[in-house]
């Protein structure tokens, strides 16, 4: 019986390109998904009037994501809007 070689187990090659390419791709994605770039609008997505604590934000984020996730009957646009809003509020908190 022949044993498999070490390379036969490797099916996933990982991300391609350099970390600089990844940063550029991430920035382009943020610009593309930036309909909610204002902090007040982002806070409104989660129902906050002022900056929440980290625990309050996480709880509201999880609730909204479960409602808007495409696998649970939501739309991908609403899901992406929540992702961008979360990143915006998270940057303001930190």
PDB file of N, CA and C in Angstrom:
ATOM      1  N   UNK A   1       0.844  -1.168   0.000  1.00  0.00           N
ATOM      2  CA  UNK A   1       0.000   0.000   0.000  1.00  0.00           C
ATOM      3  C   UNK A   1       0.893   1.236   0.000  1.00  0.00           C
ATOM      4  N   UNK A   2       0.597   2.135  -0.907  1.00  0.00           N
ATOM      5  CA  UNK A   2       1.388   3.370  -1.013  1.00  0.00           C
ATOM      6  C   UNK A   2       0.750   4.449  -0.151  1.00  0.00           C
ATOM      7  N   UNK A   3       1.595   5.145   0.552  1.00  0.00           N
ATOM      8  CA  UNK A   3       1.113   6.242   1.385  1.00  0.00           C
ATOM      9  C   UNK A   3       1.043   7.514   0.551  1.00  0.00           C
ATOM     10  N   UNK A   4       0.050   8.369   0.844  1.00  0.00           N
ATOM     11  CA  UNK A   4      -0.043   9.628   0.092  1.00  0.00           C
ATOM     12  C   UNK A   4       1.137  10.536   0.422  1.00  0.00           C
ATOM     13  N   UNK A   5       1.495  11.319  -0.540  1.00  0.00           N
ATOM     14  CA  UNK A   5       2.589  12.263  -0.327  1.00  0.00           C
ATOM     15  C   UNK A   5       2.092  13.473   0.445  1.00  0.00           C
ATOM     16  N   UNK A   6       3.022  14.229   0.979  1.00  0.00           N
ATOM     17  CA  UNK A   6       2.669  15.404   1.760  1.00  0.00           C
ATOM     18  C   UNK A   6       1.909  16.421   0.898  1.00  0.00           C
ATOM     19  N   UNK A   7       2.266  16.551  -0.360  1.00  0.00           N
ATOM     20  CA  UNK A   7       1.627  17.536  -1.230  1.00  0.00           C
ATOM     21  C   UNK A   7       0.211  17.142  -1.639  1.00  0.00           C
ATOM     22  N   UNK A   8      -0.120  15.849  -1.544  1.00  0.00           N
ATOM     23  CA  UNK A   8      -1.454  15.443  -1.964  1.00  0.00           C
ATOM     24  C   UNK A   8      -2.528  15.928  -0.984  1.00  0.00           C
ATOM     25  N   UNK A   9      -2.149  16.259   0.234  1.00  0.00           N
ATOM     26  CA  UNK A   9      -3.102  16.771   1.206  1.00  0.00           C
ATOM     27  C   UNK A   9      -3.396  18.254   1.008  1.00  0.00           C
ATOM     28  N   UNK A  10      -2.578  18.930   0.303  1.00  0.00           N
ATOM     29  CA  UNK A  10      -2.707  20.370   0.136  1.00  0.00           C
ATOM     30  C   UNK A  10      -3.610  20.695  -1.043  1.00  0.00           C
ATOM     31  N   UNK A  11      -4.827  21.024  -0.741  1.00  0.00           N
ATOM     32  CA  UNK A  11      -5.764  21.389  -1.804  1.00  0.00           C
ATOM     33  C   UNK A  11      -6.041  22.887  -1.810  1.00  0.00           C
ATOM     34  N   UNK A  12      -5.895  23.530  -0.656  1.00  0.00           N
ATOM     35  CA  UNK A  12      -6.132  24.969  -0.564  1.00  0.00           C
ATOM     36  C   UNK A  12      -4.796  25.693  -0.592  1.00  0.00           C
ATOM     37  N   UNK A  13      -4.648  26.569  -1.534  1.00  0.00           N
ATOM     38  CA  UNK A  13      -3.381  27.277  -1.679  1.00  0.00           C
ATOM     39  C   UNK A  13      -3.334  28.581  -0.902  1.00  0.00           C
ATOM     40  N   UNK A  14      -4.462  28.999  -0.333  1.00  0.00           N
ATOM     41  CA  UNK A  14      -4.477  30.231   0.449  1.00  0.00           C
ATOM     42  C   UNK A  14      -4.618  31.443  -0.441  1.00  0.00           C
ATOM     43  N   UNK A  15      -4.605  32.624   0.171  1.00  0.00           N
ATOM     44  CA  UNK A  15      -4.764  33.853  -0.601  1.00  0.00           C
ATOM     45  C   UNK A  15      -3.586  34.090  -1.523  1.00  0.00           C
ATOM     46  N   UNK A  16      -3.880  34.585  -2.676  1.00  0.00           N
ATOM     47  CA  UNK A  16      -2.847  34.856  -3.662  1.00  0.00           C
ATOM     48  C   UNK A  16      -2.448  36.324  -3.591  1.00  0.00           C
ATOM     49  N   UNK A  17      -1.196  36.610  -3.805  1.00  0.00           N
ATOM     50  CA  UNK A  17      -0.718  37.981  -3.827  1.00  0.00           C
ATOM     51  C   UNK A  17      -0.046  38.367  -2.525  1.00  0.00           C
ATOM     52  N   UNK A  18       0.417  39.577  -2.485  1.00  0.00           N
ATOM     53  CA  UNK A  18       1.127  40.067  -1.309  1.00  0.00           C
ATOM     54  C   UNK A  18       0.146  40.745  -0.346  1.00  0.00           C
ATOM     55  N   UNK A  19       0.566  41.000   0.892  1.00  0.00           N
ATOM     56  CA  UNK A  19      -0.308  41.719   1.826  1.00  0.00           C
ATOM     57  C   UNK A  19      -0.699  43.106   1.330  1.00  0.00           C
ATOM     58  N   UNK A  20       0.151  43.743   0.533  1.00  0.00           N
ATOM     59  CA  UNK A  20      -0.215  45.041  -0.035  1.00  0.00           C
ATOM     60  C   UNK A  20      -1.402  44.899  -0.977  1.00  0.00           C
ATOM     61  N   UNK A  21      -1.433  43.814  -1.745  1.00  0.00           N
ATOM     62  CA  UNK A  21      -2.566  43.552  -2.632  1.00  0.00           C
ATOM     63  C   UNK A  21      -3.843  43.333  -1.819  1.00  0.00           C
ATOM     64  N   UNK A  22      -3.722  42.630  -0.690  1.00  0.00           N
ATOM     65  CA  UNK A  22      -4.884  42.371   0.149  1.00  0.00           C
ATOM     66  C   UNK A  22      -5.436  43.675   0.690  1.00  0.00           C
ATOM     67  N   UNK A  23      -4.552  44.570   1.124  1.00  0.00           N
ATOM     68  CA  UNK A  23      -4.994  45.861   1.665  1.00  0.00           C
ATOM     69  C   UNK A  23      -5.708  46.681   0.583  1.00  0.00           C
ATOM     70  N   UNK A  24      -5.176  46.650  -0.617  1.00  0.00           N
ATOM     71  CA  UNK A  24      -5.805  47.388  -1.717  1.00  0.00           C
ATOM     72  C   UNK A  24      -7.172  46.800  -2.040  1.00  0.00           C
ATOM     73  N   UNK A  25      -7.282  45.474  -2.038  1.00  0.00           N
ATOM     74  CA  UNK A  25      -8.565  44.834  -2.311  1.00  0.00           C
ATOM     75  C   UNK A  25      -9.571  45.143  -1.208  1.00  0.00           C
ATOM     76  N   UNK A  26      -9.116  45.148   0.038  1.00  0.00           N
ATOM     77  CA  UNK A  26     -10.005  45.458   1.154  1.00  0.00           C
ATOM     78  C   UNK A  26     -10.489  46.900   1.072  1.00  0.00           C
ATOM     79  N   UNK A  27      -9.597  47.819   0.743  1.00  0.00           N
ATOM     80  CA  UNK A  27      -9.978  49.222   0.615  1.00  0.00           C
ATOM     81  C   UNK A  27     -10.982  49.421  -0.519  1.00  0.00           C
ATOM     82  N   UNK A  28     -10.771  48.729  -1.629  1.00  0.00           N
ATOM     83  CA  UNK A  28     -11.705  48.820  -2.747  1.00  0.00           C
ATOM     84  C   UNK A  28     -13.076  48.268  -2.358  1.00  0.00           C
ATOM     85  N   UNK A  29     -13.089  47.190  -1.578  1.00  0.00           N
ATOM     86  CA  UNK A  29     -14.347  46.612  -1.139  1.00  0.00           C
ATOM     87  C   UNK A  29     -15.077  47.552  -0.186  1.00  0.00           C
ATOM     88  N   UNK A  30     -14.345  48.195   0.708  1.00  0.00           N
ATOM     89  CA  UNK A  30     -14.955  49.148   1.627  1.00  0.00           C
ATOM     90  C   UNK A  30     -15.560  50.318   0.860  1.00  0.00           C
ATOM     91  N   UNK A  31     -14.840  50.811  -0.138  1.00  0.00           N
ATOM     92  CA  UNK A  31     -15.368  51.915  -0.944  1.00  0.00           C
ATOM     93  C   UNK A  31     -16.614  51.490  -1.712  1.00  0.00           C
ATOM     94  N   UNK A  32     -16.625  50.248  -2.166  1.00  0.00           N
ATOM     95  CA  UNK A  32     -17.767  49.747  -2.921  1.00  0.00           C
ATOM     96  C   UNK A  32     -18.988  49.572  -2.018  1.00  0.00           C
ATOM     97  N   UNK A  33     -18.755  49.157  -0.778  1.00  0.00           N
ATOM     98  CA  UNK A  33     -19.847  48.864   0.130  1.00  0.00           C
ATOM     99  C   UNK A  33     -20.139  50.011   1.082  1.00  0.00           C
ATOM    100  N   UNK A  34     -19.763  51.225   0.746  1.00  0.00           N
ATOM    101  CA  UNK A  34     -19.868  52.346   1.677  1.00  0.00           C
ATOM    102  C   UNK A  34     -21.137  53.176   1.547  1.00  0.00           C
ATOM    103  N   UNK A  35     -22.324  52.590   1.399  1.00  0.00           N
ATOM    104  CA  UNK A  35     -23.517  53.431   1.414  1.00  0.00           C
ATOM    105  C   UNK A  35     -23.784  53.985   2.814  1.00  0.00           C
ATOM    106  N   UNK A  36     -23.287  53.297   3.823  1.00  0.00           N
ATOM    107  CA  UNK A  36     -23.456  53.744   5.202  1.00  0.00           C
ATOM    108  C   UNK A  36     -22.080  54.104   5.739  1.00  0.00           C
ATOM    109  N   UNK A  37     -21.618  55.304   5.434  1.00  0.00           N
ATOM    110  CA  UNK A  37     -20.297  55.694   5.882  1.00  0.00           C
ATOM    111  C   UNK A  37     -20.359  56.722   6.998  1.00  0.00           C
ATOM    112  N   UNK A  38     -21.511  57.317   7.210  1.00  0.00           N
ATOM    113  CA  UNK A  38     -21.669  58.324   8.250  1.00  0.00           C
ATOM    114  C   UNK A  38     -21.924  57.629   9.582  1.00  0.00           C
ATOM    115  N   UNK A  39     -21.309  58.130  10.634  1.00  0.00           N
ATOM    116  CA  UNK A  39     -21.437  57.499  11.944  1.00  0.00           C
ATOM    117  C   UNK A  39     -22.874  57.537  12.451  1.00  0.00           C
ATOM    118  N   UNK A  40     -23.557  58.643  12.271  1.00  0.00           N
ATOM    119  CA  UNK A  40     -24.928  58.731  12.779  1.00  0.00           C
ATOM    120  C   UNK A  40     -25.854  57.766  12.037  1.00  0.00           C
ATOM    121  N   UNK A  41     -25.642  57.622  10.744  1.00  0.00           N
ATOM    122  CA  UNK A  41     -26.444  56.664   9.985  1.00  0.00           C
ATOM    123  C   UNK A  41     -26.116  55.235  10.419  1.00  0.00           C
ATOM    124  N   UNK A  42     -24.841  54.989  10.704  1.00  0.00           N
ATOM    125  CA  UNK A  42     -24.438  53.662  11.158  1.00  0.00           C
ATOM    126  C   UNK A  42     -25.027  53.350  12.523  1.00  0.00           C
ATOM    127  N   UNK A  43     -25.043  54.332  13.405  1.00  0.00           N
ATOM    128  CA  UNK A  43     -25.664  54.126  14.715  1.00  0.00           C
ATOM    129  C   UNK A  43     -27.152  53.857  14.575  1.00  0.00           C
ATOM    130  N   UNK A  44     -27.786  54.518  13.601  1.00  0.00           N
ATOM    131  CA  UNK A  44     -29.205  54.316  13.355  1.00  0.00           C
ATOM    132  C   UNK A  44     -29.534  52.921  12.870  1.00  0.00           C
ATOM    133  N   UNK A  45     -28.613  52.288  12.177  1.00  0.00           N
ATOM    134  CA  UNK A  45     -28.829  50.925  11.698  1.00  0.00           C
ATOM    135  C   UNK A  45     -29.057  49.989  12.884  1.00  0.00           C
ATOM    136  N   UNK A  46     -28.328  50.237  13.969  1.00  0.00           N
ATOM    137  CA  UNK A  46     -28.443  49.393  15.155  1.00  0.00           C
ATOM    138  C   UNK A  46     -29.417  49.947  16.192  1.00  0.00           C
ATOM    139  N   UNK A  47     -29.985  51.134  15.936  1.00  0.00           N
ATOM    140  CA  UNK A  47     -30.962  51.713  16.835  1.00  0.00           C
ATOM    141  C   UNK A  47     -30.371  52.502  17.989  1.00  0.00           C
ATOM    142  N   UNK A  48     -29.166  53.001  17.841  1.00  0.00           N
ATOM    143  CA  UNK A  48     -28.521  53.788  18.888  1.00  0.00           C
ATOM    144  C   UNK A  48     -28.554  55.269  18.526  1.00  0.00           C
ATOM    145  N   UNK A  49     -28.701  56.111  19.545  1.00  0.00           N
ATOM    146  CA  UNK A  49     -28.651  57.558  19.326  1.00  0.00           C
ATOM    147  C   UNK A  49     -27.257  58.106  19.606  1.00  0.00           C
ATOM    148  N   UNK A  50     -26.523  57.427  20.490  1.00  0.00           N
ATOM    149  CA  UNK A  50     -25.150  57.836  20.801  1.00  0.00           C
ATOM    150  C   UNK A  50     -24.264  56.596  20.771  1.00  0.00           C
ATOM    151  N   UNK A  51     -22.974  56.787  21.001  1.00  0.00           N
ATOM    152  CA  UNK A  51     -22.038  55.667  20.932  1.00  0.00           C
ATOM    153  C   UNK A  51     -22.355  54.626  22.006  1.00  0.00           C
ATOM    154  N   UNK A  52     -22.533  53.383  21.617  1.00  0.00           N
ATOM    155  CA  UNK A  52     -22.830  52.326  22.586  1.00  0.00           C
ATOM    156  C   UNK A  52     -21.543  51.748  23.171  1.00  0.00           C
ATOM    157  N   UNK A  53     -21.692  50.925  24.190  1.00  0.00           N
ATOM    158  CA  UNK A  53     -20.538  50.188  24.698  1.00  0.00           C
ATOM    159  C   UNK A  53     -20.247  49.040  23.729  1.00  0.00           C
ATOM    160  N   UNK A  54     -19.110  48.418  23.909  1.00  0.00           N
ATOM    161  CA  UNK A  54     -18.721  47.316  23.015  1.00  0.00           C
ATOM    162  C   UNK A  54     -19.713  46.156  23.129  1.00  0.00           C
ATOM    163  N   UNK A  55     -20.160  45.857  24.348  1.00  0.00           N
ATOM    164  CA  UNK A  55     -21.103  44.753  24.543  1.00  0.00           C
ATOM    165  C   UNK A  55     -22.457  45.055  23.900  1.00  0.00           C
ATOM    166  N   UNK A  56     -22.923  46.283  24.032  1.00  0.00           N
ATOM    167  CA  UNK A  56     -24.198  46.656  23.412  1.00  0.00           C
ATOM    168  C   UNK A  56     -24.109  46.574  21.896  1.00  0.00           C
ATOM    169  N   UNK A  57     -22.983  47.015  21.344  1.00  0.00           N
ATOM    170  CA  UNK A  57     -22.805  46.966  19.894  1.00  0.00           C
ATOM    171  C   UNK A  57     -22.778  45.528  19.392  1.00  0.00           C
ATOM    172  N   UNK A  58     -22.050  44.664  20.079  1.00  0.00           N
ATOM    173  CA  UNK A  58     -21.979  43.261  19.658  1.00  0.00           C
ATOM    174  C   UNK A  58     -23.345  42.594  19.694  1.00  0.00           C
ATOM    175  N   UNK A  59     -24.118  42.882  20.748  1.00  0.00           N
ATOM    176  CA  UNK A  59     -25.446  42.283  20.862  1.00  0.00           C
ATOM    177  C   UNK A  59     -26.364  42.765  19.738  1.00  0.00           C
ATOM    178  N   UNK A  60     -26.350  44.067  19.478  1.00  0.00           N
ATOM    179  CA  UNK A  60     -27.184  44.618  18.407  1.00  0.00           C
ATOM    180  C   UNK A  60     -26.727  44.102  17.046  1.00  0.00           C
ATOM    181  N   UNK A  61     -25.414  43.986  16.853  1.00  0.00           N
ATOM    182  CA  UNK A  61     -24.868  43.474  15.589  1.00  0.00           C
ATOM    183  C   UNK A  61     -25.341  42.047  15.335  1.00  0.00           C
ATOM    184  N   UNK A  62     -25.227  41.203  16.331  1.00  0.00           N
ATOM    185  CA  UNK A  62     -25.632  39.799  16.161  1.00  0.00           C
ATOM    186  C   UNK A  62     -27.121  39.692  15.842  1.00  0.00           C
ATOM    187  N   UNK A  63     -27.927  40.500  16.513  1.00  0.00           N
ATOM    188  CA  UNK A  63     -29.367  40.482  16.265  1.00  0.00           C
ATOM    189  C   UNK A  63     -29.675  40.898  14.830  1.00  0.00           C
ATOM    190  N   UNK A  64     -29.064  41.989  14.387  1.00  0.00           N
ATOM    191  CA  UNK A  64     -29.324  42.490  13.030  1.00  0.00           C
ATOM    192  C   UNK A  64     -28.803  41.531  11.965  1.00  0.00           C
ATOM    193  N   UNK A  65     -27.643  40.942  12.202  1.00  0.00           N
ATOM    194  CA  UNK A  65     -27.063  40.029  11.209  1.00  0.00           C
ATOM    195  C   UNK A  65     -27.929  38.791  11.046  1.00  0.00           C
ATOM    196  N   UNK A  66     -28.440  38.273  12.144  1.00  0.00           N
ATOM    197  CA  UNK A  66     -29.303  37.092  12.035  1.00  0.00           C
ATOM    198  C   UNK A  66     -30.571  37.397  11.250  1.00  0.00           C
ATOM    199  N   UNK A  67     -31.102  38.601  11.403  1.00  0.00           N
ATOM    200  CA  UNK A  67     -32.315  38.973  10.660  1.00  0.00           C
ATOM    201  C   UNK A  67     -32.026  39.195   9.178  1.00  0.00           C
ATOM    202  N   UNK A  68     -30.855  39.763   8.863  1.00  0.00           N
ATOM    203  CA  UNK A  68     -30.569  40.173   7.490  1.00  0.00           C
ATOM    204  C   UNK A  68     -29.746  39.161   6.701  1.00  0.00           C
ATOM    205  N   UNK A  69     -29.313  38.077   7.319  1.00  0.00           N
ATOM    206  CA  UNK A  69     -28.459  37.122   6.606  1.00  0.00           C
ATOM    207  C   UNK A  69     -29.232  36.459   5.475  1.00  0.00           C
ATOM    208  N   UNK A  70     -28.615  36.358   4.304  1.00  0.00           N
ATOM    209  CA  UNK A  70     -29.308  35.768   3.150  1.00  0.00           C
ATOM    210  C   UNK A  70     -29.770  34.326   3.374  1.00  0.00           C
ATOM    211  N   UNK A  71     -29.068  33.567   4.204  1.00  0.00           N
ATOM    212  CA  UNK A  71     -29.478  32.189   4.480  1.00  0.00           C
ATOM    213  C   UNK A  71     -30.702  32.119   5.385  1.00  0.00           C
ATOM    214  N   UNK A  72     -31.028  33.219   6.038  1.00  0.00           N
ATOM    215  CA  UNK A  72     -32.174  33.262   6.943  1.00  0.00           C
ATOM    216  C   UNK A  72     -33.296  34.141   6.403  1.00  0.00           C
ATOM    217  N   UNK A  73     -33.317  34.369   5.112  1.00  0.00           N
ATOM    218  CA  UNK A  73     -34.412  35.095   4.488  1.00  0.00           C
ATOM    219  C   UNK A  73     -34.156  36.571   4.257  1.00  0.00           C
ATOM    220  N   UNK A  74     -32.970  37.066   4.582  1.00  0.00           N
ATOM    221  CA  UNK A  74     -32.648  38.470   4.350  1.00  0.00           C
ATOM    222  C   UNK A  74     -32.049  38.676   2.965  1.00  0.00           C
ATOM    223  N   UNK A  75     -31.652  39.907   2.696  1.00  0.00           N
ATOM    224  CA  UNK A  75     -31.026  40.210   1.412  1.00  0.00           C
ATOM    225  C   UNK A  75     -29.539  40.444   1.609  1.00  0.00           C
ATOM    226  N   UNK A  76     -28.780  40.217   0.564  1.00  0.00           N
ATOM    227  CA  UNK A  76     -27.334  40.414   0.660  1.00  0.00           C
ATOM    228  C   UNK A  76     -26.990  41.894   0.788  1.00  0.00           C
ATOM    229  N   UNK A  77     -27.821  42.782   0.217  1.00  0.00           N
ATOM    230  CA  UNK A  77     -27.557  44.214   0.331  1.00  0.00           C
ATOM    231  C   UNK A  77     -27.699  44.685   1.775  1.00  0.00           C
ATOM    232  N   UNK A  78     -28.762  44.229   2.449  1.00  0.00           N
ATOM    233  CA  UNK A  78     -28.964  44.606   3.855  1.00  0.00           C
ATOM    234  C   UNK A  78     -27.853  44.033   4.724  1.00  0.00           C
ATOM    235  N   UNK A  79     -27.433  42.809   4.419  1.00  0.00           N
ATOM    236  CA  UNK A  79     -26.359  42.166   5.174  1.00  0.00           C
ATOM    237  C   UNK A  79     -25.056  42.949   5.020  1.00  0.00           C
ATOM    238  N   UNK A  80     -24.745  43.365   3.809  1.00  0.00           N
ATOM    239  CA  UNK A  80     -23.525  44.138   3.565  1.00  0.00           C
ATOM    240  C   UNK A  80     -23.607  45.512   4.227  1.00  0.00           C
ATOM    241  N   UNK A  81     -24.776  46.115   4.235  1.00  0.00           N
ATOM    242  CA  UNK A  81     -24.949  47.415   4.887  1.00  0.00           C
ATOM    243  C   UNK A  81     -24.684  47.302   6.390  1.00  0.00           C
ATOM    244  N   UNK A  82     -25.140  46.217   6.989  1.00  0.00           N
ATOM    245  CA  UNK A  82     -24.898  46.004   8.415  1.00  0.00           C
ATOM    246  C   UNK A  82     -23.414  45.794   8.678  1.00  0.00           C
ATOM    247  N   UNK A  83     -22.744  45.077   7.792  1.00  0.00           N
ATOM    248  CA  UNK A  83     -21.300  44.848   7.955  1.00  0.00           C
ATOM    249  C   UNK A  83     -20.532  46.168   7.937  1.00  0.00           C
ATOM    250  N   UNK A  84     -20.861  47.028   7.000  1.00  0.00           N
ATOM    251  CA  UNK A  84     -20.183  48.322   6.876  1.00  0.00           C
ATOM    252  C   UNK A  84     -20.526  49.210   8.068  1.00  0.00           C
ATOM    253  N   UNK A  85     -21.771  49.195   8.498  1.00  0.00           N
ATOM    254  CA  UNK A  85     -22.187  49.994   9.653  1.00  0.00           C
ATOM    255  C   UNK A  85     -21.462  49.534  10.913  1.00  0.00           C
ATOM    256  N   UNK A  86     -21.323  48.237  11.071  1.00  0.00           N
ATOM    257  CA  UNK A  86     -20.608  47.707  12.237  1.00  0.00           C
ATOM    258  C   UNK A  86     -19.153  48.147  12.236  1.00  0.00           C
ATOM    259  N   UNK A  87     -18.504  48.075  11.078  1.00  0.00           N
ATOM    260  CA  UNK A  87     -17.110  48.496  10.988  1.00  0.00           C
ATOM    261  C   UNK A  87     -16.971  49.985  11.287  1.00  0.00           C
ATOM    262  N   UNK A  88     -17.915  50.785  10.835  1.00  0.00           N
ATOM    263  CA  UNK A  88     -17.865  52.239  11.075  1.00  0.00           C
ATOM    264  C   UNK A  88     -18.026  52.554  12.551  1.00  0.00           C
ATOM    265  N   UNK A  89     -18.995  51.945  13.198  1.00  0.00           N
ATOM    266  CA  UNK A  89     -19.228  52.193  14.624  1.00  0.00           C
ATOM    267  C   UNK A  89     -18.082  51.642  15.451  1.00  0.00           C
ATOM    268  N   UNK A  90     -17.568  50.491  15.078  1.00  0.00           N
ATOM    269  CA  UNK A  90     -16.452  49.885  15.794  1.00  0.00           C
ATOM    270  C   UNK A  90     -15.221  50.789  15.757  1.00  0.00           C
ATOM    271  N   UNK A  91     -14.951  51.394  14.602  1.00  0.00           N
ATOM    272  CA  UNK A  91     -13.826  52.325  14.503  1.00  0.00           C
ATOM    273  C   UNK A  91     -14.037  53.534  15.389  1.00  0.00           C
ATOM    274  N   UNK A  92     -15.276  53.992  15.514  1.00  0.00           N
ATOM    275  CA  UNK A  92     -15.549  55.167  16.345  1.00  0.00           C
ATOM    276  C   UNK A  92     -15.414  54.827  17.837  1.00  0.00           C
ATOM    277  N   UNK A  93     -15.727  53.607  18.215  1.00  0.00           N
ATOM    278  CA  UNK A  93     -15.636  53.213  19.616  1.00  0.00           C
ATOM    279  C   UNK A  93     -14.184  53.010  20.038  1.00  0.00           C
ATOM    280  N   UNK A  94     -13.432  52.380  19.177  1.00  0.00           N
ATOM    281  CA  UNK A  94     -12.044  52.035  19.539  1.00  0.00           C
ATOM    282  C   UNK A  94     -11.143  53.204  19.504  1.00  0.00           C
TER     283      UNK A  94
END
